[in-house]
């Protein structure tokens, strides 16, 4: 299975994306679901959340 292709490679985060990340993380959404909703890779989303001390639930 091929990985998804992201056009926005290494683009800076915008305020609305950060707000959406905080909102979805606060609702208990998982990393994969948040990344897809924002249109970012899981790795980028995870790194940004870690830098900004935003907790993302781990889905099991």
Protein backbone atom coordinates (compact mmCIF):
# COMPACT_ATOMS: atom_id res chain seq x y z
CA UNK A 1 0.00 0.00 0.00
CA UNK A 2 1.48 3.33 -1.05
CA UNK A 3 1.71 6.24 1.35
CA UNK A 4 -0.42 9.29 0.71
CA UNK A 5 1.21 12.11 -1.22
CA UNK A 6 1.22 15.55 0.38
CA UNK A 7 1.53 18.61 -1.86
CA UNK A 8 2.31 20.87 1.08
CA UNK A 9 5.71 19.43 1.92
CA UNK A 10 7.42 21.33 4.78
CA UNK A 11 4.99 24.24 4.79
CA UNK A 12 4.75 26.35 7.96
CA UNK A 13 1.72 25.78 10.18
CA UNK A 14 -1.04 28.37 10.07
CA UNK A 15 -2.99 29.59 13.11
CA UNK A 16 -6.24 27.98 11.94
CA UNK A 17 -4.51 24.60 11.50
CA UNK A 18 -3.05 24.83 15.01
CA UNK A 19 -6.48 25.73 16.38
CA UNK A 20 -8.08 22.81 14.58
CA UNK A 21 -5.39 20.49 15.98
CA UNK A 22 -6.06 21.71 19.53
CA UNK A 23 -9.83 21.32 19.08
CA UNK A 24 -9.65 17.79 17.66
CA UNK A 25 -7.07 16.68 20.24
CA UNK A 26 -9.30 18.09 22.99
CA UNK A 27 -12.17 15.97 21.67
CA UNK A 28 -10.02 12.85 22.02
CA UNK A 29 -9.42 12.18 18.32
CA UNK A 30 -6.47 10.04 17.25
CA UNK A 31 -3.37 11.13 15.34
CA UNK A 32 -4.43 9.60 12.03
CA UNK A 33 -7.87 11.20 12.15
CA UNK A 34 -6.47 14.63 13.11
CA UNK A 35 -3.78 14.56 10.40
CA UNK A 36 -6.34 13.65 7.74
CA UNK A 37 -8.75 16.40 8.86
CA UNK A 38 -6.02 19.06 8.78
CA UNK A 39 -4.42 17.81 5.56
CA UNK A 40 -1.00 17.19 7.09
CA UNK A 41 1.10 14.06 7.44
CA UNK A 42 0.90 12.12 10.69
CA UNK A 43 4.59 12.82 11.32
CA UNK A 44 4.16 16.57 10.86
CA UNK A 45 1.09 16.61 13.09
CA UNK A 46 2.84 14.59 15.79
CA UNK A 47 5.94 16.82 15.72
CA UNK A 48 3.90 20.03 15.87
CA UNK A 49 1.78 18.72 18.75
CA UNK A 50 4.87 17.68 20.68
CA UNK A 51 6.57 21.07 20.19
CA UNK A 52 3.45 22.87 21.37
CA UNK A 53 2.67 20.45 24.22
CA UNK A 54 -0.65 19.31 22.78
CA UNK A 55 -1.64 15.84 23.95
CA UNK A 56 -3.03 13.48 21.33
CA UNK A 57 -4.85 10.32 22.40
CA UNK A 58 -3.40 6.99 21.34
CA UNK A 59 -5.99 4.86 19.60
CA UNK A 60 -5.85 1.15 20.32
